[in-house]
Amino acid sequence: KMFSDPVKNLKTLGLREGDIVADLGAGTGFYALAAGHAVPRGKVYAVDIQKDFLATIKNKAKEAHLSNVECFWGNVEKNCGTKIKNNIVDAVIASNILFQVEDKSQFIEETKRILKPGGQVLLIDWSDSSSIGLTAKVPKSKAREMFEARGFMWKRDIDAGAHHYGMILVKL
């Protein structure tokens, strides 16, 4: 199995039903939809730069009767690029996006801007053991270092499957 299990990975965050969650680089919405089920009285912001993906998520959310998933077209590498207000999000999902973003430090700053103090980041990315030939893979230690250098504290690693690493970081 190449992909990480969103439901299992989300459980590690210990989301509460009223939480606000942002899925940055939401793709086709695996995490956004799983989060929508996990926070029935909360909100999920699915942010992506590809409008086709957002349309897919909207359709899937409608089919699943999830009215708490909102799609935003946005650039996660720009200040205020997610269009989400400051300090309102309880948890950010950053799955398979760190290796893709060019301006990693700005991505981390944007993540920090929208998170409440004490808010958590679920960071999942391709591990060195994954067979996908990505030149831009970010090693786990480097990812942790980059977040820690920008005001996050490592909480713990999670098992994100054979081809990914996962960790939870907390905004200080």
N, C-alpha and C. Protein backbone atom coordinates (compact mmCIF):
# COMPACT_ATOMS: atom_id res chain seq x y z
N LYS A 1 0.84 -1.19 0.00
CA LYS A 1 0.00 0.00 0.00
C LYS A 1 0.88 1.24 0.00
N MET A 2 0.76 2.04 -1.03
CA MET A 2 1.61 3.23 -1.15
C MET A 2 1.15 4.36 -0.25
N PHE A 3 -0.15 4.41 0.04
CA PHE A 3 -0.64 5.58 0.74
C PHE A 3 -0.88 5.34 2.21
N SER A 4 -0.73 6.39 2.95
CA SER A 4 -0.93 6.40 4.37
C SER A 4 -2.44 6.38 4.65
N ASP A 5 -2.86 5.87 5.79
CA ASP A 5 -4.28 5.77 6.14
C ASP A 5 -4.75 7.03 6.87
N PRO A 6 -5.54 7.88 6.19
CA PRO A 6 -5.95 9.16 6.79
C PRO A 6 -6.70 9.02 8.11
N VAL A 7 -7.61 8.06 8.18
CA VAL A 7 -8.43 7.91 9.39
C VAL A 7 -7.54 7.54 10.57
N LYS A 8 -6.65 6.58 10.34
CA LYS A 8 -5.73 6.13 11.39
C LYS A 8 -4.79 7.28 11.80
N ASN A 9 -4.26 7.98 10.82
CA ASN A 9 -3.33 9.08 11.12
C ASN A 9 -4.02 10.22 11.87
N LEU A 10 -5.25 10.53 11.48
CA LEU A 10 -5.99 11.61 12.14
C LEU A 10 -6.28 11.29 13.61
N LYS A 11 -6.52 10.01 13.90
CA LYS A 11 -6.81 9.61 15.28
C LYS A 11 -5.69 10.04 16.22
N THR A 12 -4.46 10.08 15.71
CA THR A 12 -3.32 10.42 16.56
C THR A 12 -3.39 11.87 17.05
N LEU A 13 -4.18 12.70 16.40
CA LEU A 13 -4.31 14.11 16.81
C LEU A 13 -5.27 14.29 17.98
N GLY A 14 -6.12 13.30 18.21
CA GLY A 14 -7.09 13.42 19.29
C GLY A 14 -8.04 14.59 19.08
N LEU A 15 -8.57 14.72 17.86
CA LEU A 15 -9.49 15.82 17.55
C LEU A 15 -10.75 15.73 18.39
N ARG A 16 -11.28 16.90 18.75
CA ARG A 16 -12.56 16.96 19.45
C ARG A 16 -13.63 17.40 18.44
N GLU A 17 -14.89 17.10 18.74
CA GLU A 17 -15.93 17.25 17.72
C GLU A 17 -16.19 18.68 17.27
N GLY A 18 -15.76 19.67 18.05
CA GLY A 18 -15.96 21.06 17.67
C GLY A 18 -14.72 21.74 17.10
N ASP A 19 -13.67 20.97 16.87
CA ASP A 19 -12.40 21.55 16.41
C ASP A 19 -12.48 22.13 15.00
N ILE A 20 -11.58 23.07 14.76
CA ILE A 20 -11.40 23.63 13.42
C ILE A 20 -10.10 23.06 12.87
N VAL A 21 -10.20 22.45 11.69
CA VAL A 21 -9.07 21.76 11.08
C VAL A 21 -8.81 22.37 9.70
N ALA A 22 -7.54 22.54 9.36
CA ALA A 22 -7.19 23.00 8.01
C ALA A 22 -6.34 21.92 7.34
N ASP A 23 -6.77 21.49 6.17
CA ASP A 23 -6.02 20.53 5.37
C ASP A 23 -5.34 21.33 4.27
N LEU A 24 -4.03 21.54 4.43
CA LEU A 24 -3.29 22.38 3.49
C LEU A 24 -2.72 21.52 2.36
N GLY A 25 -3.05 21.90 1.14
CA GLY A 25 -2.69 21.07 0.00
C GLY A 25 -3.56 19.83 0.05
N ALA A 26 -4.87 20.06 0.09
CA ALA A 26 -5.84 19.00 0.38
C ALA A 26 -5.93 17.93 -0.71
N GLY A 27 -5.44 18.24 -1.90
CA GLY A 27 -5.48 17.24 -2.97
C GLY A 27 -6.90 16.81 -3.26
N THR A 28 -7.12 15.49 -3.33
CA THR A 28 -8.47 14.99 -3.64
C THR A 28 -9.32 14.82 -2.39
N GLY A 29 -8.79 15.20 -1.24
CA GLY A 29 -9.62 15.31 -0.05
C GLY A 29 -9.68 14.15 0.92
N PHE A 30 -8.77 13.19 0.81
CA PHE A 30 -8.82 12.05 1.74
C PHE A 30 -8.83 12.52 3.20
N TYR A 31 -7.93 13.45 3.54
CA TYR A 31 -7.85 13.92 4.93
C TYR A 31 -8.99 14.87 5.27
N ALA A 32 -9.32 15.76 4.35
CA ALA A 32 -10.39 16.73 4.62
C ALA A 32 -11.70 16.01 4.94
N LEU A 33 -12.01 14.97 4.18
CA LEU A 33 -13.24 14.23 4.40
C LEU A 33 -13.19 13.42 5.69
N ALA A 34 -12.06 12.79 5.96
CA ALA A 34 -11.91 12.04 7.22
C ALA A 34 -12.04 13.00 8.40
N ALA A 35 -11.46 14.19 8.27
CA ALA A 35 -11.54 15.19 9.33
C ALA A 35 -12.98 15.68 9.49
N GLY A 36 -13.69 15.81 8.38
CA GLY A 36 -15.09 16.23 8.43
C GLY A 36 -15.93 15.30 9.29
N HIS A 37 -15.65 14.00 9.17
CA HIS A 37 -16.35 13.01 9.99
C HIS A 37 -15.90 13.09 11.45
N ALA A 38 -14.62 13.44 11.66
CA ALA A 38 -14.04 13.46 13.02
C ALA A 38 -14.49 14.68 13.84
N VAL A 39 -14.87 15.75 13.16
CA VAL A 39 -15.28 16.98 13.87
C VAL A 39 -16.69 17.40 13.42
N PRO A 40 -17.71 16.60 13.76
CA PRO A 40 -19.06 16.84 13.25
C PRO A 40 -19.61 18.24 13.59
N ARG A 41 -19.18 18.80 14.71
CA ARG A 41 -19.65 20.14 15.08
C ARG A 41 -18.60 21.21 14.80
N GLY A 42 -17.52 20.78 14.17
CA GLY A 42 -16.44 21.72 13.88
C GLY A 42 -16.45 22.12 12.42
N LYS A 43 -15.28 22.54 11.94
CA LYS A 43 -15.11 23.01 10.57
C LYS A 43 -13.85 22.40 9.99
N VAL A 44 -13.89 22.12 8.72
CA VAL A 44 -12.69 21.69 8.02
C VAL A 44 -12.50 22.60 6.82
N TYR A 45 -11.33 23.23 6.76
CA TYR A 45 -10.98 24.06 5.61
C TYR A 45 -10.04 23.25 4.73
N ALA A 46 -10.48 22.94 3.52
CA ALA A 46 -9.64 22.24 2.56
C ALA A 46 -9.06 23.29 1.62
N VAL A 47 -7.74 23.43 1.65
CA VAL A 47 -7.08 24.47 0.85
C VAL A 47 -6.21 23.80 -0.21
N ASP A 48 -6.40 24.21 -1.45
CA ASP A 48 -5.53 23.72 -2.51
C ASP A 48 -5.43 24.78 -3.60
N ILE A 49 -4.37 24.68 -4.39
CA ILE A 49 -4.15 25.64 -5.47
C ILE A 49 -4.76 25.11 -6.78
N GLN A 50 -5.12 23.82 -6.79
CA GLN A 50 -5.71 23.23 -7.99
C GLN A 50 -7.23 23.19 -7.85
N LYS A 51 -7.89 23.99 -8.66
CA LYS A 51 -9.35 24.12 -8.57
C LYS A 51 -10.08 22.80 -8.84
N ASP A 52 -9.51 21.94 -9.70
CA ASP A 52 -10.13 20.63 -9.99
C ASP A 52 -10.24 19.80 -8.72
N PHE A 53 -9.18 19.83 -7.91
CA PHE A 53 -9.19 19.08 -6.65
C PHE A 53 -10.29 19.60 -5.73
N LEU A 54 -10.45 20.90 -5.67
CA LEU A 54 -11.46 21.49 -4.79
C LEU A 54 -12.87 21.08 -5.22
N ALA A 55 -13.09 21.01 -6.53
CA ALA A 55 -14.39 20.58 -7.05
C ALA A 55 -14.64 19.12 -6.65
N THR A 56 -13.61 18.29 -6.74
CA THR A 56 -13.70 16.88 -6.34
C THR A 56 -14.08 16.78 -4.86
N ILE A 57 -13.40 17.56 -4.01
CA ILE A 57 -13.67 17.52 -2.56
C ILE A 57 -15.12 17.96 -2.29
N LYS A 58 -15.54 19.04 -2.94
CA LYS A 58 -16.92 19.54 -2.75
C LYS A 58 -17.93 18.44 -3.07
N ASN A 59 -17.72 17.76 -4.20
CA ASN A 59 -18.63 16.68 -4.61
C ASN A 59 -18.63 15.52 -3.62
N LYS A 60 -17.43 15.12 -3.19
CA LYS A 60 -17.32 14.00 -2.24
C LYS A 60 -17.96 14.37 -0.90
N ALA A 61 -17.78 15.61 -0.45
CA ALA A 61 -18.35 16.06 0.83
C ALA A 61 -19.88 16.03 0.74
N LYS A 62 -20.40 16.47 -0.41
CA LYS A 62 -21.85 16.48 -0.62
C LYS A 62 -22.40 15.05 -0.58
N GLU A 63 -21.71 14.14 -1.29
CA GLU A 63 -22.12 12.73 -1.31
C GLU A 63 -22.12 12.13 0.10
N ALA A 64 -21.15 12.56 0.92
CA ALA A 64 -21.01 12.01 2.28
C ALA A 64 -21.86 12.79 3.29
N HIS A 65 -22.65 13.74 2.81
CA HIS A 65 -23.49 14.59 3.67
C HIS A 65 -22.67 15.32 4.73
N LEU A 66 -21.51 15.81 4.32
CA LEU A 66 -20.65 16.57 5.22
C LEU A 66 -20.83 18.06 4.89
N SER A 67 -21.51 18.78 5.76
CA SER A 67 -21.73 20.20 5.49
C SER A 67 -20.66 21.06 6.16
N ASN A 68 -19.72 20.42 6.86
CA ASN A 68 -18.71 21.17 7.61
C ASN A 68 -17.36 21.27 6.89
N VAL A 69 -17.32 20.85 5.63
CA VAL A 69 -16.07 20.93 4.86
C VAL A 69 -16.19 22.10 3.89
N GLU A 70 -15.31 23.08 4.06
CA GLU A 70 -15.30 24.25 3.16
C GLU A 70 -14.04 24.23 2.33
N CYS A 71 -14.19 24.48 1.04
CA CYS A 71 -13.04 24.47 0.14
C CYS A 71 -12.58 25.89 -0.16
N PHE A 72 -11.28 26.10 -0.07
CA PHE A 72 -10.67 27.40 -0.39
C PHE A 72 -9.62 27.20 -1.45
N TRP A 73 -9.68 28.03 -2.48
CA TRP A 73 -8.56 28.08 -3.41
C TRP A 73 -7.54 28.98 -2.74
N GLY A 74 -6.33 28.50 -2.59
CA GLY A 74 -5.33 29.32 -1.93
C GLY A 74 -3.92 28.82 -2.16
N ASN A 75 -2.98 29.72 -1.89
CA ASN A 75 -1.57 29.40 -2.04
C ASN A 75 -0.95 29.29 -0.64
N VAL A 76 -0.60 28.07 -0.26
CA VAL A 76 -0.08 27.81 1.08
C VAL A 76 1.34 28.33 1.28
N GLU A 77 1.96 28.83 0.21
CA GLU A 77 3.33 29.36 0.31
C GLU A 77 3.36 30.87 0.40
N LYS A 78 2.21 31.51 0.57
CA LYS A 78 2.17 32.97 0.66
C LYS A 78 1.58 33.38 2.00
N ASN A 79 2.03 34.52 2.52
CA ASN A 79 1.46 35.04 3.75
C ASN A 79 -0.02 35.33 3.51
N CYS A 80 -0.88 34.78 4.33
CA CYS A 80 -2.34 34.89 4.21
C CYS A 80 -2.88 34.20 2.95
N GLY A 81 -2.07 33.39 2.33
CA GLY A 81 -2.45 32.71 1.09
C GLY A 81 -3.54 31.67 1.26
N THR A 82 -3.75 31.20 2.51
CA THR A 82 -4.81 30.22 2.75
C THR A 82 -6.17 30.90 2.91
N LYS A 83 -6.17 32.22 3.12
CA LYS A 83 -7.39 33.00 3.35
C LYS A 83 -8.08 32.64 4.67
N ILE A 84 -7.34 31.99 5.56
CA ILE A 84 -7.87 31.63 6.88
C ILE A 84 -7.40 32.68 7.88
N LYS A 85 -8.28 33.05 8.82
CA LYS A 85 -7.93 34.06 9.82
C LYS A 85 -6.79 33.60 10.72
N ASN A 86 -6.14 34.56 11.37
CA ASN A 86 -5.05 34.28 12.31
C ASN A 86 -5.54 33.50 13.53
N ASN A 87 -4.74 32.57 13.98
CA ASN A 87 -4.91 31.90 15.29
C ASN A 87 -6.29 31.30 15.53
N ILE A 88 -6.90 30.69 14.51
CA ILE A 88 -8.25 30.11 14.75
C ILE A 88 -8.30 28.60 14.59
N VAL A 89 -7.25 28.01 14.06
CA VAL A 89 -7.28 26.58 13.73
C VAL A 89 -6.70 25.74 14.86
N ASP A 90 -7.39 24.64 15.19
CA ASP A 90 -6.91 23.73 16.23
C ASP A 90 -5.86 22.75 15.69
N ALA A 91 -6.02 22.36 14.44
CA ALA A 91 -5.10 21.37 13.86
C ALA A 91 -4.92 21.61 12.37
N VAL A 92 -3.67 21.48 11.92
CA VAL A 92 -3.35 21.58 10.50
C VAL A 92 -2.88 20.20 10.04
N ILE A 93 -3.42 19.79 8.90
CA ILE A 93 -2.96 18.56 8.27
C ILE A 93 -2.06 18.97 7.12
N ALA A 94 -0.83 18.47 7.14
CA ALA A 94 0.11 18.74 6.06
C ALA A 94 0.61 17.38 5.58
N SER A 95 -0.16 16.78 4.67
CA SER A 95 0.17 15.45 4.19
C SER A 95 0.69 15.50 2.76
N ASN A 96 1.87 14.97 2.56
CA ASN A 96 2.50 14.92 1.23
C ASN A 96 2.52 16.28 0.54
N ILE A 97 2.82 17.32 1.32
CA ILE A 97 2.91 18.64 0.70
C ILE A 97 4.27 19.27 0.90
N LEU A 98 4.93 18.95 2.01
CA LEU A 98 6.21 19.60 2.30
C LEU A 98 7.21 19.42 1.16
N PHE A 99 7.26 18.21 0.59
CA PHE A 99 8.21 17.97 -0.50
C PHE A 99 7.86 18.78 -1.75
N GLN A 100 6.58 19.18 -1.88
CA GLN A 100 6.13 19.88 -3.08
C GLN A 100 6.33 21.39 -3.03
N VAL A 101 6.21 21.96 -1.81
CA VAL A 101 6.28 23.42 -1.74
C VAL A 101 7.70 23.90 -1.94
N GLU A 102 7.84 24.97 -2.71
CA GLU A 102 9.18 25.51 -2.95
C GLU A 102 9.64 26.32 -1.75
N ASP A 103 8.77 27.20 -1.26
CA ASP A 103 9.13 28.05 -0.13
C ASP A 103 8.67 27.40 1.17
N LYS A 104 9.48 26.47 1.64
CA LYS A 104 9.10 25.69 2.82
C LYS A 104 8.97 26.57 4.07
N SER A 105 9.85 27.54 4.22
CA SER A 105 9.78 28.39 5.41
C SER A 105 8.51 29.22 5.42
N GLN A 106 8.09 29.72 4.25
CA GLN A 106 6.85 30.50 4.19
C GLN A 106 5.63 29.59 4.42
N PHE A 107 5.71 28.36 3.96
CA PHE A 107 4.64 27.39 4.22
C PHE A 107 4.49 27.17 5.73
N ILE A 108 5.62 27.02 6.41
CA ILE A 108 5.59 26.80 7.86
C ILE A 108 5.06 28.05 8.57
N GLU A 109 5.47 29.23 8.10
CA GLU A 109 4.97 30.48 8.69
C GLU A 109 3.46 30.62 8.52
N GLU A 110 2.95 30.24 7.36
CA GLU A 110 1.51 30.32 7.10
C GLU A 110 0.76 29.32 8.01
N THR A 111 1.33 28.14 8.18
CA THR A 111 0.77 27.13 9.09
C THR A 111 0.69 27.71 10.50
N LYS A 112 1.78 28.35 10.91
CA LYS A 112 1.87 28.93 12.26
C LYS A 112 0.86 30.07 12.43
N ARG A 113 0.69 30.88 11.39
CA ARG A 113 -0.21 32.04 11.46
C ARG A 113 -1.65 31.63 11.74
N ILE A 114 -2.12 30.56 11.10
CA ILE A 114 -3.53 30.18 11.23
C ILE A 114 -3.80 29.34 12.49
N LEU A 115 -2.76 28.71 13.04
CA LEU A 115 -2.94 27.86 14.22
C LEU A 115 -3.08 28.66 15.50
N LYS A 116 -3.96 28.18 16.39
CA LYS A 116 -4.03 28.73 17.74
C LYS A 116 -2.74 28.36 18.47
N PRO A 117 -2.34 29.13 19.48
CA PRO A 117 -1.23 28.68 20.32
C PRO A 117 -1.61 27.32 20.92
N GLY A 118 -0.72 26.36 20.87
CA GLY A 118 -1.02 25.02 21.34
C GLY A 118 -1.67 24.16 20.27
N GLY A 119 -1.94 24.75 19.10
CA GLY A 119 -2.51 24.00 17.99
C GLY A 119 -1.49 23.01 17.44
N GLN A 120 -1.99 21.96 16.81
CA GLN A 120 -1.11 20.88 16.36
C GLN A 120 -1.02 20.78 14.84
N VAL A 121 0.12 20.31 14.40
CA VAL A 121 0.32 20.00 12.98
C VAL A 121 0.54 18.50 12.86
N LEU A 122 -0.25 17.89 11.98
CA LEU A 122 0.00 16.49 11.61
C LEU A 122 0.80 16.56 10.31
N LEU A 123 2.08 16.26 10.42
CA LEU A 123 2.96 16.34 9.26
C LEU A 123 3.26 14.93 8.77
N ILE A 124 2.90 14.68 7.52
CA ILE A 124 3.16 13.37 6.92
C ILE A 124 3.81 13.62 5.57
N ASP A 125 4.91 12.93 5.34
CA ASP A 125 5.56 13.09 4.05
C ASP A 125 6.27 11.80 3.66
N TRP A 126 6.74 11.78 2.41
CA TRP A 126 7.41 10.60 1.88
C TRP A 126 8.71 10.35 2.62
N SER A 127 8.91 9.11 3.02
CA SER A 127 10.15 8.76 3.71
C SER A 127 11.20 8.35 2.69
N ASP A 128 12.42 8.21 3.17
CA ASP A 128 13.52 7.82 2.29
C ASP A 128 13.28 6.44 1.71
N SER A 129 12.53 5.62 2.43
CA SER A 129 12.32 4.24 1.98
C SER A 129 11.28 4.15 0.86
N SER A 130 10.58 5.27 0.58
CA SER A 130 9.57 5.19 -0.47
C SER A 130 10.25 5.10 -1.83
N SER A 131 9.67 4.31 -2.68
CA SER A 131 10.30 4.04 -3.97
C SER A 131 10.03 5.13 -4.99
N ILE A 132 9.15 6.08 -4.62
CA ILE A 132 8.85 7.15 -5.55
C ILE A 132 10.11 7.98 -5.76
N GLY A 133 10.46 8.22 -7.00
CA GLY A 133 11.70 8.93 -7.28
C GLY A 133 11.53 10.43 -7.16
N LEU A 134 11.37 10.89 -5.95
CA LEU A 134 11.21 12.33 -5.75
C LEU A 134 12.54 12.93 -5.36
N THR A 135 12.97 13.88 -6.14
CA THR A 135 14.26 14.50 -5.82
C THR A 135 14.10 15.46 -4.64
N ALA A 136 12.87 15.93 -4.44
CA ALA A 136 12.65 16.96 -3.43
C ALA A 136 12.26 16.42 -2.05
N LYS A 137 12.39 15.11 -1.85
CA LYS A 137 12.01 14.54 -0.55
C LYS A 137 12.70 15.29 0.58
N VAL A 138 11.93 15.53 1.65
CA VAL A 138 12.49 16.21 2.82
C VAL A 138 12.69 15.16 3.90
N PRO A 139 13.94 14.92 4.30
CA PRO A 139 14.17 13.92 5.35
C PRO A 139 13.44 14.32 6.63
N LYS A 140 13.01 13.31 7.38
CA LYS A 140 12.26 13.52 8.61
C LYS A 140 12.98 14.46 9.58
N SER A 141 14.28 14.24 9.77
CA SER A 141 15.03 15.07 10.72
C SER A 141 15.06 16.54 10.27
N LYS A 142 15.16 16.75 8.98
CA LYS A 142 15.20 18.10 8.42
C LYS A 142 13.83 18.77 8.58
N ALA A 143 12.77 18.02 8.34
CA ALA A 143 11.41 18.56 8.49
C ALA A 143 11.19 19.02 9.93
N ARG A 144 11.56 18.17 10.87
CA ARG A 144 11.40 18.51 12.29
C ARG A 144 12.20 19.77 12.63
N GLU A 145 13.43 19.81 12.15
CA GLU A 145 14.33 20.96 12.38
C GLU A 145 13.71 22.27 11.87
N MET A 146 13.16 22.21 10.65
CA MET A 146 12.57 23.41 10.03
C MET A 146 11.39 23.93 10.86
N PHE A 147 10.54 23.02 11.34
CA PHE A 147 9.40 23.45 12.15
C PHE A 147 9.86 23.98 13.51
N GLU A 148 10.82 23.29 14.12
CA GLU A 148 11.31 23.72 15.44
C GLU A 148 11.98 25.09 15.36
N ALA A 149 12.62 25.37 14.25
CA ALA A 149 13.30 26.67 14.07
C ALA A 149 12.29 27.81 13.94
N ARG A 150 11.01 27.46 13.68
CA ARG A 150 9.99 28.49 13.48
C ARG A 150 8.88 28.44 14.53
N GLY A 151 9.24 28.06 15.74
CA GLY A 151 8.28 28.17 16.83
C GLY A 151 7.35 26.99 17.06
N PHE A 152 7.79 25.81 16.64
CA PHE A 152 7.01 24.61 16.91
C PHE A 152 7.82 23.69 17.81
N MET A 153 7.12 22.86 18.57
CA MET A 153 7.76 21.87 19.41
C MET A 153 7.32 20.50 18.93
N TRP A 154 8.29 19.61 18.75
CA TRP A 154 7.98 18.24 18.36
C TRP A 154 7.27 17.57 19.53
N LYS A 155 6.16 16.90 19.24
CA LYS A 155 5.40 16.19 20.27
C LYS A 155 5.71 14.70 20.21
N ARG A 156 5.50 14.10 19.01
CA ARG A 156 5.84 12.69 18.86
C ARG A 156 5.78 12.28 17.40
N ASP A 157 6.43 11.17 17.12
CA ASP A 157 6.37 10.56 15.80
C ASP A 157 5.16 9.63 15.77
N ILE A 158 4.60 9.46 14.59
CA ILE A 158 3.52 8.49 14.44
C ILE A 158 3.89 7.52 13.31
N ASP A 159 3.29 6.36 13.34
CA ASP A 159 3.50 5.38 12.28
C ASP A 159 2.58 5.75 11.13
N ALA A 160 3.15 6.21 10.04
CA ALA A 160 2.34 6.65 8.90
C ALA A 160 2.46 5.68 7.72
N GLY A 161 2.85 4.45 8.01
CA GLY A 161 2.93 3.45 6.95
C GLY A 161 4.35 3.26 6.43
N ALA A 162 4.49 2.35 5.49
CA ALA A 162 5.81 1.93 5.02
C ALA A 162 6.55 3.00 4.21
N HIS A 163 5.82 3.88 3.55
CA HIS A 163 6.47 4.81 2.64
C HIS A 163 6.45 6.26 3.12
N HIS A 164 5.97 6.47 4.33
CA HIS A 164 5.86 7.83 4.86
C HIS A 164 6.41 7.91 6.27
N TYR A 165 6.78 9.13 6.65
CA TYR A 165 7.02 9.37 8.07
C TYR A 165 5.92 10.31 8.53
N GLY A 166 5.67 10.29 9.83
CA GLY A 166 4.65 11.19 10.37
C GLY A 166 5.08 11.70 11.72
N MET A 167 4.66 12.93 12.02
CA MET A 167 4.94 13.48 13.34
C MET A 167 3.88 14.52 13.68
N ILE A 168 3.76 14.75 14.97
CA ILE A 168 2.87 15.79 15.44
C ILE A 168 3.74 16.87 16.08
N LEU A 169 3.49 18.11 15.65
CA LEU A 169 4.22 19.26 16.18
C LEU A 169 3.20 20.23 16.78
N VAL A 170 3.61 20.98 17.78
CA VAL A 170 2.71 21.89 18.48
C VAL A 170 3.23 23.31 18.36
N LYS A 171 2.33 24.23 18.05
CA LYS A 171 2.70 25.65 17.98
C LYS A 171 2.88 26.17 19.41
N LEU A 172 4.04 26.75 19.66
CA LEU A 172 4.33 27.27 20.99
C LEU A 172 3.65 28.62 21.20
